[in-house]
Full PDB file with SEQRES, HELIX, SHEET, SSBOND, CRYST1, ORIGX, SCALE, CONECT and MASTER records, all heavy atoms in Angstrom:
SEQRES   1 A   43  ARG PRO LYS ASP ALA LEU LEU ALA LEU LEU LEU LEU PRO          
SEQRES   2 A   43  VAL LEU GLY ALA LEU PRO LEU ALA ALA PHE TRP ALA ALA          
SEQRES   3 A   43  GLY ALA ALA ALA GLU ALA ALA GLY GLY SER THR ASP GLN          
SEQRES   4 A   43  ILE LEU TRP ALA                                              
HELIX    1 AA1 PRO A    2  ALA A   32  1                                  31    
HELIX    2 AA2 THR A   37  TRP A   42  1                                   6    
CRYST1    1.000    1.000    1.000  90.00  90.00  90.00 P 1           1          
ORIGX1      1.000000  0.000000  0.000000        0.00000                         
ORIGX2      0.000000  1.000000  0.000000        0.00000                         
ORIGX3      0.000000  0.000000  1.000000        0.00000                         
SCALE1      1.000000  0.000000  0.000000        0.00000                         
SCALE2      0.000000  1.000000  0.000000        0.00000                         
SCALE3      0.000000  0.000000  1.000000        0.00000                         
ATOM      1  N   ARG A   1     -89.861  -1.549  27.165  1.00  0.00           N  
ATOM      2  CA  ARG A   1     -90.609  -2.228  26.104  1.00  0.00           C  
ATOM      3  C   ARG A   1     -90.725  -1.393  24.831  1.00  0.00           C  
ATOM      4  O   ARG A   1     -90.585  -1.939  23.734  1.00  0.00           O  
ATOM      5  CB  ARG A   1     -91.979  -2.638  26.612  1.00  0.00           C  
ATOM      6  CG  ARG A   1     -91.897  -3.755  27.618  1.00  0.00           C  
ATOM      7  CD  ARG A   1     -93.237  -4.434  27.789  1.00  0.00           C  
ATOM      8  NE  ARG A   1     -93.218  -5.325  28.923  1.00  0.00           N  
ATOM      9  CZ  ARG A   1     -92.821  -6.591  28.856  1.00  0.00           C  
ATOM     10  NH1 ARG A   1     -92.397  -7.074  27.729  1.00  0.00           N  
ATOM     11  NH2 ARG A   1     -92.836  -7.347  29.935  1.00  0.00           N  
ATOM     12  N   PRO A   2     -90.967  -0.068  24.920  1.00  0.00           N  
ATOM     13  CA  PRO A   2     -91.006   0.714  23.674  1.00  0.00           C  
ATOM     14  C   PRO A   2     -89.669   0.708  22.927  1.00  0.00           C  
ATOM     15  O   PRO A   2     -89.637   0.616  21.707  1.00  0.00           O  
ATOM     16  CB  PRO A   2     -91.374   2.126  24.129  1.00  0.00           C  
ATOM     17  CG  PRO A   2     -92.075   1.942  25.425  1.00  0.00           C  
ATOM     18  CD  PRO A   2     -91.451   0.739  26.053  1.00  0.00           C  
ATOM     19  N   LYS A   3     -88.570   0.779  23.660  1.00  0.00           N  
ATOM     20  CA  LYS A   3     -87.253   0.737  23.017  1.00  0.00           C  
ATOM     21  C   LYS A   3     -87.031  -0.625  22.369  1.00  0.00           C  
ATOM     22  O   LYS A   3     -86.517  -0.715  21.246  1.00  0.00           O  
ATOM     23  CB  LYS A   3     -86.163   1.018  24.044  1.00  0.00           C  
ATOM     24  CG  LYS A   3     -84.770   0.976  23.465  1.00  0.00           C  
ATOM     25  CD  LYS A   3     -83.720   1.198  24.533  1.00  0.00           C  
ATOM     26  CE  LYS A   3     -82.330   1.047  23.957  1.00  0.00           C  
ATOM     27  NZ  LYS A   3     -81.300   1.134  24.992  1.00  0.00           N  
ATOM     28  N   ASP A   4     -87.428  -1.671  23.050  1.00  0.00           N  
ATOM     29  CA  ASP A   4     -87.302  -3.023  22.526  1.00  0.00           C  
ATOM     30  C   ASP A   4     -88.122  -3.181  21.250  1.00  0.00           C  
ATOM     31  O   ASP A   4     -87.646  -3.704  20.239  1.00  0.00           O  
ATOM     32  CB  ASP A   4     -87.751  -4.013  23.596  1.00  0.00           C  
ATOM     33  CG  ASP A   4     -87.499  -5.466  23.226  1.00  0.00           C  
ATOM     34  OD1 ASP A   4     -86.770  -5.721  22.253  1.00  0.00           O  
ATOM     35  OD2 ASP A   4     -88.026  -6.335  23.930  1.00  0.00           O  
ATOM     36  N   ALA A   5     -89.360  -2.709  21.265  1.00  0.00           N  
ATOM     37  CA  ALA A   5     -90.234  -2.822  20.092  1.00  0.00           C  
ATOM     38  C   ALA A   5     -89.715  -1.987  18.926  1.00  0.00           C  
ATOM     39  O   ALA A   5     -89.754  -2.426  17.770  1.00  0.00           O  
ATOM     40  CB  ALA A   5     -91.653  -2.387  20.458  1.00  0.00           C  
ATOM     41  N   LEU A   6     -89.201  -0.796  19.213  1.00  0.00           N  
ATOM     42  CA  LEU A   6     -88.671   0.060  18.152  1.00  0.00           C  
ATOM     43  C   LEU A   6     -87.453  -0.586  17.490  1.00  0.00           C  
ATOM     44  O   LEU A   6     -87.347  -0.617  16.257  1.00  0.00           O  
ATOM     45  CB  LEU A   6     -88.311   1.430  18.713  1.00  0.00           C  
ATOM     46  CG  LEU A   6     -87.728   2.415  17.711  1.00  0.00           C  
ATOM     47  CD1 LEU A   6     -88.780   2.800  16.684  1.00  0.00           C  
ATOM     48  CD2 LEU A   6     -87.203   3.644  18.413  1.00  0.00           C  
ATOM     49  N   LEU A   7     -86.540  -1.103  18.280  1.00  0.00           N  
ATOM     50  CA  LEU A   7     -85.371  -1.778  17.716  1.00  0.00           C  
ATOM     51  C   LEU A   7     -85.769  -3.009  16.909  1.00  0.00           C  
ATOM     52  O   LEU A   7     -85.187  -3.285  15.863  1.00  0.00           O  
ATOM     53  CB  LEU A   7     -84.400  -2.170  18.824  1.00  0.00           C  
ATOM     54  CG  LEU A   7     -83.541  -1.050  19.370  1.00  0.00           C  
ATOM     55  CD1 LEU A   7     -82.727  -1.546  20.561  1.00  0.00           C  
ATOM     56  CD2 LEU A   7     -82.624  -0.508  18.307  1.00  0.00           C  
ATOM     57  N   ALA A   8     -86.773  -3.731  17.377  1.00  0.00           N  
ATOM     58  CA  ALA A   8     -87.225  -4.920  16.649  1.00  0.00           C  
ATOM     59  C   ALA A   8     -87.814  -4.526  15.297  1.00  0.00           C  
ATOM     60  O   ALA A   8     -87.524  -5.164  14.279  1.00  0.00           O  
ATOM     61  CB  ALA A   8     -88.258  -5.673  17.474  1.00  0.00           C  
ATOM     62  N   LEU A   9     -88.618  -3.477  15.266  1.00  0.00           N  
ATOM     63  CA  LEU A   9     -89.212  -3.038  14.005  1.00  0.00           C  
ATOM     64  C   LEU A   9     -88.166  -2.485  13.041  1.00  0.00           C  
ATOM     65  O   LEU A   9     -88.290  -2.648  11.824  1.00  0.00           O  
ATOM     66  CB  LEU A   9     -90.291  -1.985  14.265  1.00  0.00           C  
ATOM     67  CG  LEU A   9     -91.571  -2.513  14.893  1.00  0.00           C  
ATOM     68  CD1 LEU A   9     -92.511  -1.367  15.211  1.00  0.00           C  
ATOM     69  CD2 LEU A   9     -92.249  -3.497  13.963  1.00  0.00           C  
ATOM     70  N   LEU A  10     -87.149  -1.830  13.559  1.00  0.00           N  
ATOM     71  CA  LEU A  10     -86.100  -1.296  12.693  1.00  0.00           C  
ATOM     72  C   LEU A  10     -85.172  -2.394  12.176  1.00  0.00           C  
ATOM     73  O   LEU A  10     -84.681  -2.326  11.049  1.00  0.00           O  
ATOM     74  CB  LEU A  10     -85.283  -0.242  13.448  1.00  0.00           C  
ATOM     75  CG  LEU A  10     -85.996   1.063  13.754  1.00  0.00           C  
ATOM     76  CD1 LEU A  10     -85.114   1.953  14.615  1.00  0.00           C  
ATOM     77  CD2 LEU A  10     -86.387   1.778  12.488  1.00  0.00           C  
ATOM     78  N   LEU A  11     -84.927  -3.401  12.985  1.00  0.00           N  
ATOM     79  CA  LEU A  11     -83.985  -4.446  12.606  1.00  0.00           C  
ATOM     80  C   LEU A  11     -84.609  -5.515  11.716  1.00  0.00           C  
ATOM     81  O   LEU A  11     -83.889  -6.178  10.966  1.00  0.00           O  
ATOM     82  CB  LEU A  11     -83.415  -5.096  13.874  1.00  0.00           C  
ATOM     83  CG  LEU A  11     -82.151  -5.899  13.708  1.00  0.00           C  
ATOM     84  CD1 LEU A  11     -81.022  -4.986  13.223  1.00  0.00           C  
ATOM     85  CD2 LEU A  11     -81.757  -6.545  15.002  1.00  0.00           C  
ATOM     86  N   LEU A  12     -85.911  -5.674  11.743  1.00  0.00           N  
ATOM     87  CA  LEU A  12     -86.568  -6.724  10.965  1.00  0.00           C  
ATOM     88  C   LEU A  12     -86.293  -6.601   9.467  1.00  0.00           C  
ATOM     89  O   LEU A  12     -85.849  -7.566   8.841  1.00  0.00           O  
ATOM     90  CB  LEU A  12     -88.068  -6.734  11.258  1.00  0.00           C  
ATOM     91  CG  LEU A  12     -88.878  -7.844  10.622  1.00  0.00           C  
ATOM     92  CD1 LEU A  12     -88.419  -9.191  11.154  1.00  0.00           C  
ATOM     93  CD2 LEU A  12     -90.346  -7.654  10.904  1.00  0.00           C  
ATOM     94  N   PRO A  13     -86.500  -5.433   8.832  1.00  0.00           N  
ATOM     95  CA  PRO A  13     -86.197  -5.374   7.391  1.00  0.00           C  
ATOM     96  C   PRO A  13     -84.706  -5.462   7.076  1.00  0.00           C  
ATOM     97  O   PRO A  13     -84.313  -5.995   6.043  1.00  0.00           O  
ATOM     98  CB  PRO A  13     -86.771  -4.034   6.948  1.00  0.00           C  
ATOM     99  CG  PRO A  13     -87.039  -3.255   8.159  1.00  0.00           C  
ATOM    100  CD  PRO A  13     -87.120  -4.215   9.307  1.00  0.00           C  
ATOM    101  N   VAL A  14     -83.870  -4.965   7.990  1.00  0.00           N  
ATOM    102  CA  VAL A  14     -82.420  -5.028   7.758  1.00  0.00           C  
ATOM    103  C   VAL A  14     -81.953  -6.479   7.751  1.00  0.00           C  
ATOM    104  O   VAL A  14     -81.236  -6.913   6.840  1.00  0.00           O  
ATOM    105  CB  VAL A  14     -81.667  -4.210   8.827  1.00  0.00           C  
ATOM    106  CG1 VAL A  14     -80.175  -4.432   8.726  1.00  0.00           C  
ATOM    107  CG2 VAL A  14     -82.002  -2.739   8.704  1.00  0.00           C  
ATOM    108  N   LEU A  15     -82.349  -7.239   8.754  1.00  0.00           N  
ATOM    109  CA  LEU A  15     -81.941  -8.645   8.805  1.00  0.00           C  
ATOM    110  C   LEU A  15     -82.647  -9.479   7.748  1.00  0.00           C  
ATOM    111  O   LEU A  15     -82.121 -10.495   7.298  1.00  0.00           O  
ATOM    112  CB  LEU A  15     -82.206  -9.226  10.195  1.00  0.00           C  
ATOM    113  CG  LEU A  15     -81.280  -8.745  11.306  1.00  0.00           C  
ATOM    114  CD1 LEU A  15     -81.699  -9.353  12.626  1.00  0.00           C  
ATOM    115  CD2 LEU A  15     -79.843  -9.079  11.008  1.00  0.00           C  
ATOM    116  N   GLY A  16     -83.832  -9.055   7.338  1.00  0.00           N  
ATOM    117  CA  GLY A  16     -84.545  -9.774   6.281  1.00  0.00           C  
ATOM    118  C   GLY A  16     -83.875  -9.624   4.927  1.00  0.00           C  
ATOM    119  O   GLY A  16     -83.881 -10.540   4.103  1.00  0.00           O  
ATOM    120  N   ALA A  17     -83.287  -8.467   4.668  1.00  0.00           N  
ATOM    121  CA  ALA A  17     -82.626  -8.214   3.385  1.00  0.00           C  
ATOM    122  C   ALA A  17     -81.163  -8.645   3.393  1.00  0.00           C  
ATOM    123  O   ALA A  17     -80.514  -8.616   2.343  1.00  0.00           O  
ATOM    124  CB  ALA A  17     -82.727  -6.736   3.051  1.00  0.00           C  
ATOM    125  N   LEU A  18     -80.644  -9.044   4.520  1.00  0.00           N  
ATOM    126  CA  LEU A  18     -79.225  -9.400   4.634  1.00  0.00           C  
ATOM    127  C   LEU A  18     -78.820 -10.568   3.730  1.00  0.00           C  
ATOM    128  O   LEU A  18     -77.771 -10.487   3.073  1.00  0.00           O  
ATOM    129  CB  LEU A  18     -78.886  -9.693   6.095  1.00  0.00           C  
ATOM    130  CG  LEU A  18     -77.426  -9.728   6.463  1.00  0.00           C  
ATOM    131  CD1 LEU A  18     -76.776  -8.382   6.169  1.00  0.00           C  
ATOM    132  CD2 LEU A  18     -77.266 -10.061   7.920  1.00  0.00           C  
ATOM    133  N   PRO A  19     -79.597 -11.658   3.622  1.00  0.00           N  
ATOM    134  CA  PRO A  19     -79.176 -12.736   2.717  1.00  0.00           C  
ATOM    135  C   PRO A  19     -79.104 -12.288   1.260  1.00  0.00           C  
ATOM    136  O   PRO A  19     -78.199 -12.677   0.529  1.00  0.00           O  
ATOM    137  CB  PRO A  19     -80.250 -13.813   2.902  1.00  0.00           C  
ATOM    138  CG  PRO A  19     -80.871 -13.538   4.204  1.00  0.00           C  
ATOM    139  CD  PRO A  19     -80.770 -12.058   4.410  1.00  0.00           C  
ATOM    140  N   LEU A  20     -80.034 -11.455   0.847  1.00  0.00           N  
ATOM    141  CA  LEU A  20     -80.028 -10.955  -0.530  1.00  0.00           C  
ATOM    142  C   LEU A  20     -78.806 -10.081  -0.790  1.00  0.00           C  
ATOM    143  O   LEU A  20     -78.138 -10.213  -1.823  1.00  0.00           O  
ATOM    144  CB  LEU A  20     -81.316 -10.175  -0.795  1.00  0.00           C  
ATOM    145  CG  LEU A  20     -81.585  -9.755  -2.221  1.00  0.00           C  
ATOM    146  CD1 LEU A  20     -81.654 -10.966  -3.136  1.00  0.00           C  
ATOM    147  CD2 LEU A  20     -82.865  -8.964  -2.299  1.00  0.00           C  
ATOM    148  N   ALA A  21     -78.494  -9.213   0.145  1.00  0.00           N  
ATOM    149  CA  ALA A  21     -77.322  -8.348   0.000  1.00  0.00           C  
ATOM    150  C   ALA A  21     -76.030  -9.171   0.001  1.00  0.00           C  
ATOM    151  O   ALA A  21     -75.107  -8.884  -0.769  1.00  0.00           O  
ATOM    152  CB  ALA A  21     -77.294  -7.318   1.125  1.00  0.00           C  
ATOM    153  N   ALA A  22     -75.957 -10.193   0.840  1.00  0.00           N  
ATOM    154  CA  ALA A  22     -74.773 -11.050   0.876  1.00  0.00           C  
ATOM    155  C   ALA A  22     -74.619 -11.819  -0.435  1.00  0.00           C  
ATOM    156  O   ALA A  22     -73.507 -11.976  -0.951  1.00  0.00           O  
ATOM    157  CB  ALA A  22     -74.858 -12.020   2.051  1.00  0.00           C  
ATOM    158  N   PHE A  23     -75.733 -12.283  -0.983  1.00  0.00           N  
ATOM    159  CA  PHE A  23     -75.696 -12.998  -2.264  1.00  0.00           C  
ATOM    160  C   PHE A  23     -75.170 -12.098  -3.375  1.00  0.00           C  
ATOM    161  O   PHE A  23     -74.302 -12.486  -4.159  1.00  0.00           O  
ATOM    162  CB  PHE A  23     -77.094 -13.517  -2.601  1.00  0.00           C  
ATOM    163  CG  PHE A  23     -77.151 -14.289  -3.885  1.00  0.00           C  
ATOM    164  CD1 PHE A  23     -76.750 -15.613  -3.920  1.00  0.00           C  
ATOM    165  CD2 PHE A  23     -77.612 -13.705  -5.036  1.00  0.00           C  
ATOM    166  CE1 PHE A  23     -76.806 -16.335  -5.102  1.00  0.00           C  
ATOM    167  CE2 PHE A  23     -77.673 -14.414  -6.218  1.00  0.00           C  
ATOM    168  CZ  PHE A  23     -77.267 -15.736  -6.252  1.00  0.00           C  
ATOM    169  N   TRP A  24     -75.690 -10.875  -3.438  1.00  0.00           N  
ATOM    170  CA  TRP A  24     -75.251  -9.933  -4.470  1.00  0.00           C  
ATOM    171  C   TRP A  24     -73.776  -9.575  -4.303  1.00  0.00           C  
ATOM    172  O   TRP A  24     -73.032  -9.524  -5.280  1.00  0.00           O  
ATOM    173  CB  TRP A  24     -76.082  -8.662  -4.429  1.00  0.00           C  
ATOM    174  CG  TRP A  24     -77.413  -8.790  -5.081  1.00  0.00           C  
ATOM    175  CD1 TRP A  24     -77.816  -9.735  -5.981  1.00  0.00           C  
ATOM    176  CD2 TRP A  24     -78.533  -7.937  -4.879  1.00  0.00           C  
ATOM    177  NE1 TRP A  24     -79.119  -9.527  -6.339  1.00  0.00           N  
ATOM    178  CE2 TRP A  24     -79.587  -8.429  -5.688  1.00  0.00           C  
ATOM    179  CE3 TRP A  24     -78.761  -6.816  -4.093  1.00  0.00           C  
ATOM    180  CZ2 TRP A  24     -80.827  -7.821  -5.726  1.00  0.00           C  
ATOM    181  CZ3 TRP A  24     -80.001  -6.216  -4.150  1.00  0.00           C  
ATOM    182  CH2 TRP A  24     -81.027  -6.711  -4.947  1.00  0.00           C  
ATOM    183  N   ALA A  25     -73.346  -9.292  -3.088  1.00  0.00           N  
ATOM    184  CA  ALA A  25     -71.964  -8.875  -2.851  1.00  0.00           C  
ATOM    185  C   ALA A  25     -70.980 -10.004  -3.170  1.00  0.00           C  
ATOM    186  O   ALA A  25     -69.957  -9.777  -3.835  1.00  0.00           O  
ATOM    187  CB  ALA A  25     -71.790  -8.418  -1.406  1.00  0.00           C  
ATOM    188  N   ALA A  26     -71.265 -11.204  -2.712  1.00  0.00           N  
ATOM    189  CA  ALA A  26     -70.359 -12.323  -2.980  1.00  0.00           C  
ATOM    190  C   ALA A  26     -70.376 -12.699  -4.453  1.00  0.00           C  
ATOM    191  O   ALA A  26     -69.328 -13.036  -5.030  1.00  0.00           O  
ATOM    192  CB  ALA A  26     -70.746 -13.526  -2.126  1.00  0.00           C  
ATOM    193  N   GLY A  27     -71.529 -12.615  -5.077  1.00  0.00           N  
ATOM    194  CA  GLY A  27     -71.600 -12.886  -6.515  1.00  0.00           C  
ATOM    195  C   GLY A  27     -70.816 -11.865  -7.319  1.00  0.00           C  
ATOM    196  O   GLY A  27     -70.129 -12.212  -8.284  1.00  0.00           O  
ATOM    197  N   ALA A  28     -70.896 -10.607  -6.937  1.00  0.00           N  
ATOM    198  CA  ALA A  28     -70.135  -9.561  -7.629  1.00  0.00           C  
ATOM    199  C   ALA A  28     -68.640  -9.758  -7.432  1.00  0.00           C  
ATOM    200  O   ALA A  28     -67.846  -9.569  -8.368  1.00  0.00           O  
ATOM    201  CB  ALA A  28     -70.559  -8.187  -7.126  1.00  0.00           C  
ATOM    202  N   ALA A  29     -68.233 -10.144  -6.228  1.00  0.00           N  
ATOM    203  CA  ALA A  29     -66.808 -10.386  -5.971  1.00  0.00           C  
ATOM    204  C   ALA A  29     -66.302 -11.585  -6.770  1.00  0.00           C  
ATOM    205  O   ALA A  29     -65.200 -11.552  -7.326  1.00  0.00           O  
ATOM    206  CB  ALA A  29     -66.574 -10.605  -4.481  1.00  0.00           C  
ATOM    207  N   ALA A  30     -67.106 -12.646  -6.868  1.00  0.00           N  
ATOM    208  CA  ALA A  30     -66.692 -13.824  -7.629  1.00  0.00           C  
ATOM    209  C   ALA A  30     -66.648 -13.509  -9.117  1.00  0.00           C  
ATOM    210  O   ALA A  30     -65.769 -13.993  -9.837  1.00  0.00           O  
ATOM    211  CB  ALA A  30     -67.657 -14.978  -7.361  1.00  0.00           C  
ATOM    212  N   GLU A  31     -67.560 -12.684  -9.578  1.00  0.00           N  
ATOM    213  CA  GLU A  31     -67.543 -12.298 -10.990  1.00  0.00           C  
ATOM    214  C   GLU A  31     -66.348 -11.408 -11.304  1.00  0.00           C  
ATOM    215  O   GLU A  31     -65.711 -11.541 -12.353  1.00  0.00           O  
ATOM    216  CB  GLU A  31     -68.840 -11.572 -11.354  1.00  0.00           C  
ATOM    217  CG  GLU A  31     -68.963 -11.277 -12.834  1.00  0.00           C  
ATOM    218  CD  GLU A  31     -70.289 -10.672 -13.189  1.00  0.00           C  
ATOM    219  OE1 GLU A  31     -71.064 -10.320 -12.280  1.00  0.00           O  
ATOM    220  OE2 GLU A  31     -70.541 -10.544 -14.394  1.00  0.00           O  
ATOM    221  N   ALA A  32     -66.018 -10.511 -10.395  1.00  0.00           N  
ATOM    222  CA  ALA A  32     -64.859  -9.639 -10.594  1.00  0.00           C  
ATOM    223  C   ALA A  32     -63.566 -10.450 -10.595  1.00  0.00           C  
ATOM    224  O   ALA A  32     -62.598 -10.066 -11.261  1.00  0.00           O  
ATOM    225  CB  ALA A  32     -64.808  -8.569  -9.508  1.00  0.00           C  
ATOM    226  N   ALA A  33     -63.542 -11.551  -9.879  1.00  0.00           N  
ATOM    227  CA  ALA A  33     -62.351 -12.400  -9.848  1.00  0.00           C  
ATOM    228  C   ALA A  33     -62.254 -13.296 -11.075  1.00  0.00           C  
ATOM    229  O   ALA A  33     -61.277 -14.021 -11.235  1.00  0.00           O  
ATOM    230  CB  ALA A  33     -62.358 -13.254  -8.583  1.00  0.00           C  
ATOM    231  N   GLY A  34     -63.271 -13.249 -11.940  1.00  0.00           N  
ATOM    232  CA  GLY A  34     -63.235 -14.029 -13.174  1.00  0.00           C  
ATOM    233  C   GLY A  34     -63.766 -15.432 -13.027  1.00  0.00           C  
ATOM    234  O   GLY A  34     -63.395 -16.324 -13.789  1.00  0.00           O  
ATOM    235  N   GLY A  35     -64.656 -15.655 -12.076  1.00  0.00           N  
ATOM    236  CA  GLY A  35     -65.207 -16.983 -11.859  1.00  0.00           C  
ATOM    237  C   GLY A  35     -66.263 -17.347 -12.886  1.00  0.00           C  
ATOM    238  O   GLY A  35     -66.870 -16.487 -13.528  1.00  0.00           O  
ATOM    239  N   SER A  36     -66.484 -18.642 -13.037  1.00  0.00           N  
ATOM    240  CA  SER A  36     -67.531 -19.107 -13.940  1.00  0.00           C  
ATOM    241  C   SER A  36     -68.896 -18.904 -13.273  1.00  0.00           C  
ATOM    242  O   SER A  36     -68.992 -18.523 -12.104  1.00  0.00           O  
ATOM    243  CB  SER A  36     -67.320 -20.587 -14.266  1.00  0.00           C  
ATOM    244  OG  SER A  36     -67.508 -21.368 -13.100  1.00  0.00           O  
ATOM    245  N   THR A  37     -69.939 -19.181 -14.022  1.00  0.00           N  
ATOM    246  CA  THR A  37     -71.293 -19.002 -13.492  1.00  0.00           C  
ATOM    247  C   THR A  37     -71.530 -19.898 -12.276  1.00  0.00           C  
ATOM    248  O   THR A  37     -72.155 -19.477 -11.301  1.00  0.00           O  
ATOM    249  CB  THR A  37     -72.337 -19.314 -14.585  1.00  0.00           C  
ATOM    250  OG1 THR A  37     -72.068 -18.497 -15.726  1.00  0.00           O  
ATOM    251  CG2 THR A  37     -73.741 -19.055 -14.091  1.00  0.00           C  
ATOM    252  N   ASP A  38     -71.032 -21.118 -12.336  1.00  0.00           N  
ATOM    253  CA  ASP A  38     -71.192 -22.033 -11.199  1.00  0.00           C  
ATOM    254  C   ASP A  38     -70.484 -21.506  -9.957  1.00  0.00           C  
ATOM    255  O   ASP A  38     -71.013 -21.585  -8.853  1.00  0.00           O  
ATOM    256  CB  ASP A  38     -70.645 -23.418 -11.540  1.00  0.00           C  
ATOM    257  CG  ASP A  38     -71.470 -24.121 -12.599  1.00  0.00           C  
ATOM    258  OD1 ASP A  38     -72.650 -23.735 -12.770  1.00  0.00           O  
ATOM    259  OD2 ASP A  38     -70.948 -25.042 -13.239  1.00  0.00           O  
ATOM    260  N   GLN A  39     -69.290 -20.972 -10.141  1.00  0.00           N  
ATOM    261  CA  GLN A  39     -68.546 -20.436  -9.003  1.00  0.00           C  
ATOM    262  C   GLN A  39     -69.217 -19.199  -8.427  1.00  0.00           C  
ATOM    263  O   GLN A  39     -69.237 -19.003  -7.209  1.00  0.00           O  
ATOM    264  CB  GLN A  39     -67.118 -20.104  -9.421  1.00  0.00           C  
ATOM    265  CG  GLN A  39     -66.293 -21.325  -9.758  1.00  0.00           C  
ATOM    266  CD  GLN A  39     -64.981 -20.964 -10.418  1.00  0.00           C  
ATOM    267  OE1 GLN A  39     -64.823 -19.863 -10.937  1.00  0.00           O  
ATOM    268  NE2 GLN A  39     -64.031 -21.895 -10.380  1.00  0.00           N  
ATOM    269  N   ILE A  40     -69.781 -18.375  -9.287  1.00  0.00           N  
ATOM    270  CA  ILE A  40     -70.473 -17.166  -8.831  1.00  0.00           C  
ATOM    271  C   ILE A  40     -71.694 -17.542  -8.002  1.00  0.00           C  
ATOM    272  O   ILE A  40     -71.920 -17.015  -6.913  1.00  0.00           O  
ATOM    273  CB  ILE A  40     -70.858 -16.278 -10.027  1.00  0.00           C  
ATOM    274  CG1 ILE A  40     -69.599 -15.721 -10.702  1.00  0.00           C  
ATOM    275  CG2 ILE A  40     -71.779 -15.149  -9.597  1.00  0.00           C  
ATOM    276  CD1 ILE A  40     -69.862 -15.071 -12.036  1.00  0.00           C  
ATOM    277  N   LEU A  41     -72.494 -18.471  -8.512  1.00  0.00           N  
ATOM    278  CA  LEU A  41     -73.694 -18.897  -7.782  1.00  0.00           C  
ATOM    279  C   LEU A  41     -73.334 -19.625  -6.489  1.00  0.00           C  
ATOM    280  O   LEU A  41     -74.015 -19.467  -5.474  1.00  0.00           O  
ATOM    281  CB  LEU A  41     -74.566 -19.784  -8.665  1.00  0.00           C  
ATOM    282  CG  LEU A  41     -75.240 -19.078  -9.842  1.00  0.00           C  
ATOM    283  CD1 LEU A  41     -75.975 -20.079 -10.706  1.00  0.00           C  
ATOM    284  CD2 LEU A  41     -76.175 -17.999  -9.347  1.00  0.00           C  
ATOM    285  N   TRP A  42     -72.283 -20.430  -6.516  1.00  0.00           N  
ATOM    286  CA  TRP A  42     -71.860 -21.136  -5.312  1.00  0.00           C  
ATOM    287  C   TRP A  42     -71.405 -20.160  -4.242  1.00  0.00           C  
ATOM    288  O   TRP A  42     -71.785 -20.283  -3.082  1.00  0.00           O  
ATOM    289  CB  TRP A  42     -70.746 -22.112  -5.658  1.00  0.00           C  
ATOM    290  CG  TRP A  42     -70.341 -22.967  -4.507  1.00  0.00           C  
ATOM    291  CD1 TRP A  42     -70.936 -24.128  -4.114  1.00  0.00           C  
ATOM    292  CD2 TRP A  42     -69.279 -22.724  -3.591  1.00  0.00           C  
ATOM    293  NE1 TRP A  42     -70.296 -24.618  -3.011  1.00  0.00           N  
ATOM    294  CE2 TRP A  42     -69.278 -23.783  -2.670  1.00  0.00           C  
ATOM    295  CE3 TRP A  42     -68.334 -21.721  -3.456  1.00  0.00           C  
ATOM    296  CZ2 TRP A  42     -68.366 -23.855  -1.626  1.00  0.00           C  
ATOM    297  CZ3 TRP A  42     -67.427 -21.796  -2.414  1.00  0.00           C  
ATOM    298  CH2 TRP A  42     -67.444 -22.863  -1.516  1.00  0.00           C  
ATOM    299  N   ALA A  43     -70.574 -19.181  -4.621  1.00  0.00           N  
ATOM    300  CA  ALA A  43     -70.088 -18.189  -3.657  1.00  0.00           C  
ATOM    301  C   ALA A  43     -71.242 -17.352  -3.116  1.00  0.00           C  
ATOM    302  O   ALA A  43     -71.320 -17.086  -1.908  1.00  0.00           O  
ATOM    303  CB  ALA A  43     -69.044 -17.281  -4.312  1.00  0.00           C  
TER     304      ALA A  43                                                      
MASTER        0    0    0    2    0    0    0    6  303    1    0    4          
END                                                                             
């Protein structure tokens, strides 16, 4: 149980920030490819 609780506490902020990091990374890749604002936001 302590190992389970420790992993849960460590993984909670990582998985919580994952959508934000994915949004930034895909937006940066779409912008680098020369996409329009709509394409950047969609990606």
